[in-house]
Amino acid sequence: MPNPTPPRSRTSRSLPTTIWLPDPDEPAAPIPGAVLPAWAIDKLRTDFVDRPAHEPAPLLKIAIRDMTPGMDARIPVTPFTAPADDEDSVRKPSLLLAELHPDALPAAPTAFGDSELPGAAESDWPGFFHRAHRLLPADGLLLLATRQRRDAGRLTDPLGILIASARTAGFRYLQHIVIAYGRPAGDRLEPARPADTSGGVAHCDLIALSAIRHT
């Protein structure tokens, strides 16, 4: 008898991780207090999104540095506009970049709360993701820029917690991009770490999420 067909693996295939490096003449480190270097934001607006002739896409950047009450009123907002922008694209942006300072990130899943109903919490991280989902149009992109931090001497990675909460709010996980804090020099990288990074951190992470609208 012929051998039976082996069962197909049920293990899901992971999405690809992309590594971005600056050009040799680009400042590799972000400005103080920021997560993404300027060259990476430029690349997001041109290469990452499908734009004709590499015209920069409109982008709204917010910087989240804490999650204490009233944080919405303290979030710095920086719009990146393009010459072809119209009122609709400014009023309802399709590209939202949230730079998350490591000190504002949760260290454990319980930091997101134990609400039984998705979207019930309108504060802290669950509230942030639901508000971001309401702001974006269908297929609009939420880009999370963050990096690891050191807790009790150990580096912690918040990406799993953030992605899980974003999915609950109605986002689809698209891609993980690693952005190096270093400048290419031959076959190696010259580190250019920001002063406010934890020891051992030489990159930041960019998570791309797409807003899902059910009809």
C-alpha atoms as a PDB file:
ATOM      1  CA  MET A   1       0.000   0.000   0.000  1.00  0.00           C
ATOM      2  CA  PRO A   2       1.225   3.526  -0.681  1.00  0.00           C
ATOM      3  CA  ASN A   3       2.319   5.525   2.280  1.00  0.00           C
ATOM      4  CA  PRO A   4      -0.424   7.811   3.524  1.00  0.00           C
ATOM      5  CA  THR A   5       0.015  11.514   2.876  1.00  0.00           C
ATOM      6  CA  PRO A   6       1.627  13.061   5.947  1.00  0.00           C
ATOM      7  CA  PRO A   7      -0.631  15.452   7.816  1.00  0.00           C
ATOM      8  CA  ARG A   8      -0.136  19.114   6.991  1.00  0.00           C
ATOM      9  CA  SER A   9       1.494  21.092   9.738  1.00  0.00           C
ATOM     10  CA  ARG A  10      -0.895  23.305  11.645  1.00  0.00           C
ATOM     11  CA  THR A  11       1.895  25.616  12.739  1.00  0.00           C
ATOM     12  CA  SER A  12       1.265  29.117  11.407  1.00  0.00           C
ATOM     13  CA  ARG A  13       4.032  30.696   9.414  1.00  0.00           C
ATOM     14  CA  SER A  14       5.511  33.793  10.999  1.00  0.00           C
ATOM     15  CA  LEU A  15       5.454  37.058   9.117  1.00  0.00           C
ATOM     16  CA  PRO A  16       8.805  38.268   7.814  1.00  0.00           C
ATOM     17  CA  THR A  17      10.977  40.623   9.801  1.00  0.00           C
ATOM     18  CA  THR A  18      12.701  43.335   7.790  1.00  0.00           C
ATOM     19  CA  ILE A  19      15.847  45.184   8.857  1.00  0.00           C
ATOM     20  CA  TRP A  20      16.288  48.823   7.888  1.00  0.00           C
ATOM     21  CA  LEU A  21      19.714  50.477   7.898  1.00  0.00           C
ATOM     22  CA  PRO A  22      20.472  54.160   7.332  1.00  0.00           C
ATOM     23  CA  ASP A  23      22.483  55.381   4.389  1.00  0.00           C
ATOM     24  CA  PRO A  24      26.133  56.121   5.271  1.00  0.00           C
ATOM     25  CA  ASP A  25      25.482  59.881   5.289  1.00  0.00           C
ATOM     26  CA  GLU A  26      22.299  59.715   7.404  1.00  0.00           C
ATOM     27  CA  PRO A  27      22.273  60.470  11.159  1.00  0.00           C
ATOM     28  CA  ALA A  28      21.660  57.010  12.602  1.00  0.00           C
ATOM     29  CA  ALA A  29      20.256  58.010  16.007  1.00  0.00           C
ATOM     30  CA  PRO A  30      16.938  59.784  16.618  1.00  0.00           C
ATOM     31  CA  ILE A  31      16.735  63.219  18.167  1.00  0.00           C
ATOM     32  CA  PRO A  32      16.516  63.275  22.010  1.00  0.00           C
ATOM     33  CA  GLY A  33      13.190  61.908  23.244  1.00  0.00           C
ATOM     34  CA  ALA A  34      12.263  60.285  19.931  1.00  0.00           C
ATOM     35  CA  VAL A  35      12.235  56.601  19.002  1.00  0.00           C
ATOM     36  CA  LEU A  36      12.570  56.663  15.208  1.00  0.00           C
ATOM     37  CA  PRO A  37      15.438  58.391  13.376  1.00  0.00           C
ATOM     38  CA  ALA A  38      14.344  61.004  10.839  1.00  0.00           C
ATOM     39  CA  TRP A  39      15.502  58.881   7.892  1.00  0.00           C
ATOM     40  CA  ALA A  40      13.183  56.043   8.972  1.00  0.00           C
ATOM     41  CA  ILE A  41      10.152  58.361   9.005  1.00  0.00           C
ATOM     42  CA  ASP A  42      11.064  59.536   5.501  1.00  0.00           C
ATOM     43  CA  LYS A  43      11.288  55.904   4.381  1.00  0.00           C
ATOM     44  CA  LEU A  44       7.880  55.154   5.881  1.00  0.00           C
ATOM     45  CA  ARG A  45       6.286  57.988   3.917  1.00  0.00           C
ATOM     46  CA  THR A  46       7.823  56.972   0.592  1.00  0.00           C
ATOM     47  CA  ASP A  47       9.061  53.372   0.318  1.00  0.00           C
ATOM     48  CA  PHE A  48       6.771  51.629   2.826  1.00  0.00           C
ATOM     49  CA  VAL A  49       3.487  52.914   1.406  1.00  0.00           C
ATOM     50  CA  ASP A  50       2.547  52.644  -2.249  1.00  0.00           C
ATOM     51  CA  ARG A  51       2.974  56.208  -3.519  1.00  0.00           C
ATOM     52  CA  PRO A  52       3.422  57.278  -7.147  1.00  0.00           C
ATOM     53  CA  ALA A  53       6.903  58.598  -7.949  1.00  0.00           C
ATOM     54  CA  HIS A  54       7.862  58.138  -4.280  1.00  0.00           C
ATOM     55  CA  GLU A  55       5.872  61.199  -3.258  1.00  0.00           C
ATOM     56  CA  PRO A  56       5.763  61.387   0.559  1.00  0.00           C
ATOM     57  CA  ALA A  57       2.473  60.272   2.084  1.00  0.00           C
ATOM     58  CA  PRO A  58       0.699  62.368   4.727  1.00  0.00           C
ATOM     59  CA  LEU A  59       1.475  61.039   8.196  1.00  0.00           C
ATOM     60  CA  LEU A  60       0.378  62.001  11.695  1.00  0.00           C
ATOM     61  CA  LYS A  61       2.981  61.344  14.383  1.00  0.00           C
ATOM     62  CA  ILE A  62       2.161  61.199  18.083  1.00  0.00           C
ATOM     63  CA  ALA A  63       4.563  60.652  20.979  1.00  0.00           C
ATOM     64  CA  ILE A  64       3.278  58.697  23.989  1.00  0.00           C
ATOM     65  CA  ARG A  65       5.482  59.128  27.037  1.00  0.00           C
ATOM     66  CA  ASP A  66       3.129  58.069  29.835  1.00  0.00           C
ATOM     67  CA  MET A  67      -0.233  56.421  30.427  1.00  0.00           C
ATOM     68  CA  THR A  68      -1.393  58.390  33.464  1.00  0.00           C
ATOM     69  CA  PRO A  69      -4.844  60.072  33.504  1.00  0.00           C
ATOM     70  CA  GLY A  70      -5.157  62.959  31.081  1.00  0.00           C
ATOM     71  CA  MET A  71      -2.430  61.617  28.784  1.00  0.00           C
ATOM     72  CA  ASP A  72      -4.425  62.488  25.644  1.00  0.00           C
ATOM     73  CA  ALA A  73      -4.074  66.189  26.384  1.00  0.00           C
ATOM     74  CA  ARG A  74      -0.304  65.874  26.786  1.00  0.00           C
ATOM     75  CA  ILE A  75       0.513  63.895  23.629  1.00  0.00           C
ATOM     76  CA  PRO A  76       2.719  65.904  21.242  1.00  0.00           C
ATOM     77  CA  VAL A  77       1.314  65.730  17.709  1.00  0.00           C
ATOM     78  CA  THR A  78       3.408  66.366  14.584  1.00  0.00           C
ATOM     79  CA  PRO A  79       1.699  66.322  11.165  1.00  0.00           C
ATOM     80  CA  PHE A  80       3.783  65.444   8.104  1.00  0.00           C
ATOM     81  CA  THR A  81       1.846  66.779   5.140  1.00  0.00           C
ATOM     82  CA  ALA A  82       2.346  66.513   1.388  1.00  0.00           C
ATOM     83  CA  PRO A  83       1.675  69.128  -1.324  1.00  0.00           C
ATOM     84  CA  ALA A  84      -1.264  67.116  -2.677  1.00  0.00           C
ATOM     85  CA  ASP A  85      -3.014  66.821   0.705  1.00  0.00           C
ATOM     86  CA  ASP A  86      -6.662  67.763   0.872  1.00  0.00           C
ATOM     87  CA  GLU A  87      -8.921  68.495   3.817  1.00  0.00           C
ATOM     88  CA  ASP A  88     -10.160  64.895   4.051  1.00  0.00           C
ATOM     89  CA  SER A  89      -6.643  63.437   4.356  1.00  0.00           C
ATOM     90  CA  VAL A  90      -5.764  65.901   7.100  1.00  0.00           C
ATOM     91  CA  ARG A  91      -9.052  65.429   8.961  1.00  0.00           C
ATOM     92  CA  LYS A  92      -8.930  61.612   8.857  1.00  0.00           C
ATOM     93  CA  PRO A  93      -5.322  60.455   8.407  1.00  0.00           C
ATOM     94  CA  SER A  94      -4.663  57.032   6.920  1.00  0.00           C
ATOM     95  CA  LEU A  95      -1.136  56.754   8.352  1.00  0.00           C
ATOM     96  CA  LEU A  96      -0.746  57.149  12.131  1.00  0.00           C
ATOM     97  CA  LEU A  97       2.701  56.764  13.691  1.00  0.00           C
ATOM     98  CA  ALA A  98       2.773  56.326  17.474  1.00  0.00           C
ATOM     99  CA  GLU A  99       6.196  56.554  19.096  1.00  0.00           C
ATOM    100  CA  LEU A 100       5.968  54.739  22.424  1.00  0.00           C
ATOM    101  CA  HIS A 101       8.557  55.687  25.007  1.00  0.00           C
ATOM    102  CA  PRO A 102       9.826  52.559  26.815  1.00  0.00           C
ATOM    103  CA  ASP A 103       8.867  53.991  30.220  1.00  0.00           C
ATOM    104  CA  ALA A 104       5.204  54.090  29.137  1.00  0.00           C
ATOM    105  CA  LEU A 105       5.095  50.457  28.069  1.00  0.00           C
ATOM    106  CA  PRO A 106       3.621  47.595  30.101  1.00  0.00           C
ATOM    107  CA  ALA A 107       5.983  45.081  31.650  1.00  0.00           C
ATOM    108  CA  ALA A 108       3.397  42.295  31.909  1.00  0.00           C
ATOM    109  CA  PRO A 109       0.130  41.312  30.201  1.00  0.00           C
ATOM    110  CA  THR A 110      -1.860  42.202  33.324  1.00  0.00           C
ATOM    111  CA  ALA A 111      -0.939  45.833  32.696  1.00  0.00           C
ATOM    112  CA  PHE A 112      -3.666  45.855  30.045  1.00  0.00           C
ATOM    113  CA  GLY A 113      -6.335  45.076  32.598  1.00  0.00           C
ATOM    114  CA  ASP A 114      -8.744  42.183  32.947  1.00  0.00           C
ATOM    115  CA  SER A 115     -11.865  43.591  31.302  1.00  0.00           C
ATOM    116  CA  GLU A 116     -14.216  40.843  30.122  1.00  0.00           C
ATOM    117  CA  LEU A 117     -15.546  42.879  27.200  1.00  0.00           C
ATOM    118  CA  PRO A 118     -13.169  43.946  24.410  1.00  0.00           C
ATOM    119  CA  GLY A 119     -13.095  47.705  24.232  1.00  0.00           C
ATOM    120  CA  ALA A 120     -14.732  48.217  27.601  1.00  0.00           C
ATOM    121  CA  ALA A 121     -11.718  50.031  29.018  1.00  0.00           C
ATOM    122  CA  GLU A 122     -11.294  53.537  27.638  1.00  0.00           C
ATOM    123  CA  SER A 123      -8.136  54.307  29.570  1.00  0.00           C
ATOM    124  CA  ASP A 124      -4.594  53.004  29.478  1.00  0.00           C
ATOM    125  CA  TRP A 125      -3.454  50.886  26.500  1.00  0.00           C
ATOM    126  CA  PRO A 126      -6.805  49.250  25.606  1.00  0.00           C
ATOM    127  CA  GLY A 127      -8.368  52.700  25.330  1.00  0.00           C
ATOM    128  CA  PHE A 128      -5.498  53.968  23.195  1.00  0.00           C
ATOM    129  CA  PHE A 129      -5.886  51.192  20.619  1.00  0.00           C
ATOM    130  CA  HIS A 130      -9.664  51.599  20.392  1.00  0.00           C
ATOM    131  CA  ARG A 131      -9.357  55.378  19.946  1.00  0.00           C
ATOM    132  CA  ALA A 132      -6.714  54.872  17.262  1.00  0.00           C
ATOM    133  CA  HIS A 133      -9.024  52.408  15.491  1.00  0.00           C
ATOM    134  CA  ARG A 134     -11.869  54.936  15.479  1.00  0.00           C
ATOM    135  CA  LEU A 135      -9.538  57.616  14.099  1.00  0.00           C
ATOM    136  CA  LEU A 136      -8.294  55.592  11.115  1.00  0.00           C
ATOM    137  CA  PRO A 137     -10.299  54.696   7.994  1.00  0.00           C
ATOM    138  CA  ALA A 138     -10.662  51.114   6.770  1.00  0.00           C
ATOM    139  CA  ASP A 139      -7.212  49.745   5.870  1.00  0.00           C
ATOM    140  CA  GLY A 140      -5.570  52.754   7.511  1.00  0.00           C
ATOM    141  CA  LEU A 141      -2.191  51.957   9.039  1.00  0.00           C
ATOM    142  CA  LEU A 142      -1.180  52.254  12.676  1.00  0.00           C
ATOM    143  CA  LEU A 143       2.607  52.152  13.054  1.00  0.00           C
ATOM    144  CA  LEU A 144       3.989  51.493  16.541  1.00  0.00           C
ATOM    145  CA  ALA A 145       7.610  52.503  17.122  1.00  0.00           C
ATOM    146  CA  THR A 146       9.149  51.296  20.365  1.00  0.00           C
ATOM    147  CA  ARG A 147      12.167  49.548  21.804  1.00  0.00           C
ATOM    148  CA  GLN A 148      13.118  47.195  24.597  1.00  0.00           C
ATOM    149  CA  ARG A 149      13.819  48.393  28.099  1.00  0.00           C
ATOM    150  CA  ARG A 150      15.658  46.984  31.082  1.00  0.00           C
ATOM    151  CA  ASP A 151      13.655  45.881  34.128  1.00  0.00           C
ATOM    152  CA  ALA A 152      15.509  44.480  37.149  1.00  0.00           C
ATOM    153  CA  GLY A 153      18.576  43.975  34.973  1.00  0.00           C
ATOM    154  CA  ARG A 154      16.714  42.093  32.227  1.00  0.00           C
ATOM    155  CA  LEU A 155      15.658  43.378  28.829  1.00  0.00           C
ATOM    156  CA  THR A 156      11.908  43.128  28.316  1.00  0.00           C
ATOM    157  CA  ASP A 157      10.172  43.015  24.944  1.00  0.00           C
ATOM    158  CA  PRO A 158       6.683  44.609  24.851  1.00  0.00           C
ATOM    159  CA  LEU A 159       5.802  43.642  21.269  1.00  0.00           C
ATOM    160  CA  GLY A 160       3.669  40.586  22.045  1.00  0.00           C
ATOM    161  CA  ILE A 161       1.543  42.484  24.545  1.00  0.00           C
ATOM    162  CA  LEU A 162       1.050  45.426  22.204  1.00  0.00           C
ATOM    163  CA  ILE A 163       0.096  43.255  19.212  1.00  0.00           C
ATOM    164  CA  ALA A 164      -2.388  41.235  21.280  1.00  0.00           C
ATOM    165  CA  SER A 165      -4.132  44.376  22.517  1.00  0.00           C
ATOM    166  CA  ALA A 166      -4.169  45.916  19.026  1.00  0.00           C
ATOM    167  CA  ARG A 167      -5.838  42.806  17.595  1.00  0.00           C
ATOM    168  CA  THR A 168      -8.529  43.004  20.265  1.00  0.00           C
ATOM    169  CA  ALA A 169      -9.223  46.588  19.177  1.00  0.00           C
ATOM    170  CA  GLY A 170      -9.703  45.587  15.531  1.00  0.00           C
ATOM    171  CA  PHE A 171      -6.248  45.758  13.963  1.00  0.00           C
ATOM    172  CA  ARG A 172      -4.530  43.199  11.733  1.00  0.00           C
ATOM    173  CA  TYR A 173      -0.809  42.592  12.303  1.00  0.00           C
ATOM    174  CA  LEU A 174       1.120  43.136   9.065  1.00  0.00           C
ATOM    175  CA  GLN A 175       4.853  43.331   9.636  1.00  0.00           C
ATOM    176  CA  HIS A 176       7.724  43.804  12.081  1.00  0.00           C
ATOM    177  CA  ILE A 177      10.577  46.096  11.019  1.00  0.00           C
ATOM    178  CA  VAL A 178      13.857  46.354  12.942  1.00  0.00           C
ATOM    179  CA  ILE A 179      15.517  49.756  12.623  1.00  0.00           C
ATOM    180  CA  ALA A 180      19.185  49.765  13.564  1.00  0.00           C
ATOM    181  CA  TYR A 181      20.782  52.439  15.713  1.00  0.00           C
ATOM    182  CA  GLY A 182      24.002  52.202  13.763  1.00  0.00           C
ATOM    183  CA  ARG A 183      25.734  53.293  10.601  1.00  0.00           C
ATOM    184  CA  PRO A 184      27.018  50.813   7.986  1.00  0.00           C
ATOM    185  CA  ALA A 185      30.822  50.780   7.831  1.00  0.00           C
ATOM    186  CA  GLY A 186      32.091  48.113   5.458  1.00  0.00           C
ATOM    187  CA  ASP A 187      30.910  44.744   6.759  1.00  0.00           C
ATOM    188  CA  ARG A 188      29.956  46.012  10.222  1.00  0.00           C
ATOM    189  CA  LEU A 189      27.830  48.612  11.978  1.00  0.00           C
ATOM    190  CA  GLU A 190      29.125  51.568  13.940  1.00  0.00           C
ATOM    191  CA  PRO A 191      26.736  51.941  16.910  1.00  0.00           C
ATOM    192  CA  ALA A 192      24.936  55.267  17.275  1.00  0.00           C
ATOM    193  CA  ARG A 193      22.669  54.604  20.239  1.00  0.00           C
ATOM    194  CA  PRO A 194      20.509  57.381  21.725  1.00  0.00           C
ATOM    195  CA  ALA A 195      21.515  58.513  25.200  1.00  0.00           C
ATOM    196  CA  ASP A 196      18.200  57.417  26.740  1.00  0.00           C
ATOM    197  CA  THR A 197      18.336  53.754  25.641  1.00  0.00           C
ATOM    198  CA  SER A 198      18.816  50.899  28.076  1.00  0.00           C
ATOM    199  CA  GLY A 199      22.166  49.169  27.985  1.00  0.00           C
ATOM    200  CA  GLY A 200      22.382  46.532  25.279  1.00  0.00           C
ATOM    201  CA  VAL A 201      19.655  48.087  23.093  1.00  0.00           C
ATOM    202  CA  ALA A 202      20.967  48.889  19.608  1.00  0.00           C
ATOM    203  CA  HIS A 203      17.737  49.094  17.609  1.00  0.00           C
ATOM    204  CA  CYS A 204      14.083  50.050  17.747  1.00  0.00           C
ATOM    205  CA  ASP A 205      11.077  48.077  16.538  1.00  0.00           C
ATOM    206  CA  LEU A 206       8.348  49.188  14.173  1.00  0.00           C
ATOM    207  CA  ILE A 207       5.079  47.246  14.094  1.00  0.00           C
ATOM    208  CA  ALA A 208       2.692  47.819  11.173  1.00  0.00           C
ATOM    209  CA  LEU A 209      -1.024  47.242  11.829  1.00  0.00           C
ATOM    210  CA  SER A 210      -4.007  47.665   9.512  1.00  0.00           C
ATOM    211  CA  ALA A 211      -7.429  48.831  10.724  1.00  0.00           C
ATOM    212  CA  ILE A 212     -10.197  46.311   9.982  1.00  0.00           C
ATOM    213  CA  ARG A 213     -13.759  47.504   9.378  1.00  0.00           C
ATOM    214  CA  HIS A 214     -16.552  44.900   9.489  1.00  0.00           C
ATOM    215  CA  THR A 215     -19.531  45.614   7.253  1.00  0.00           C
END
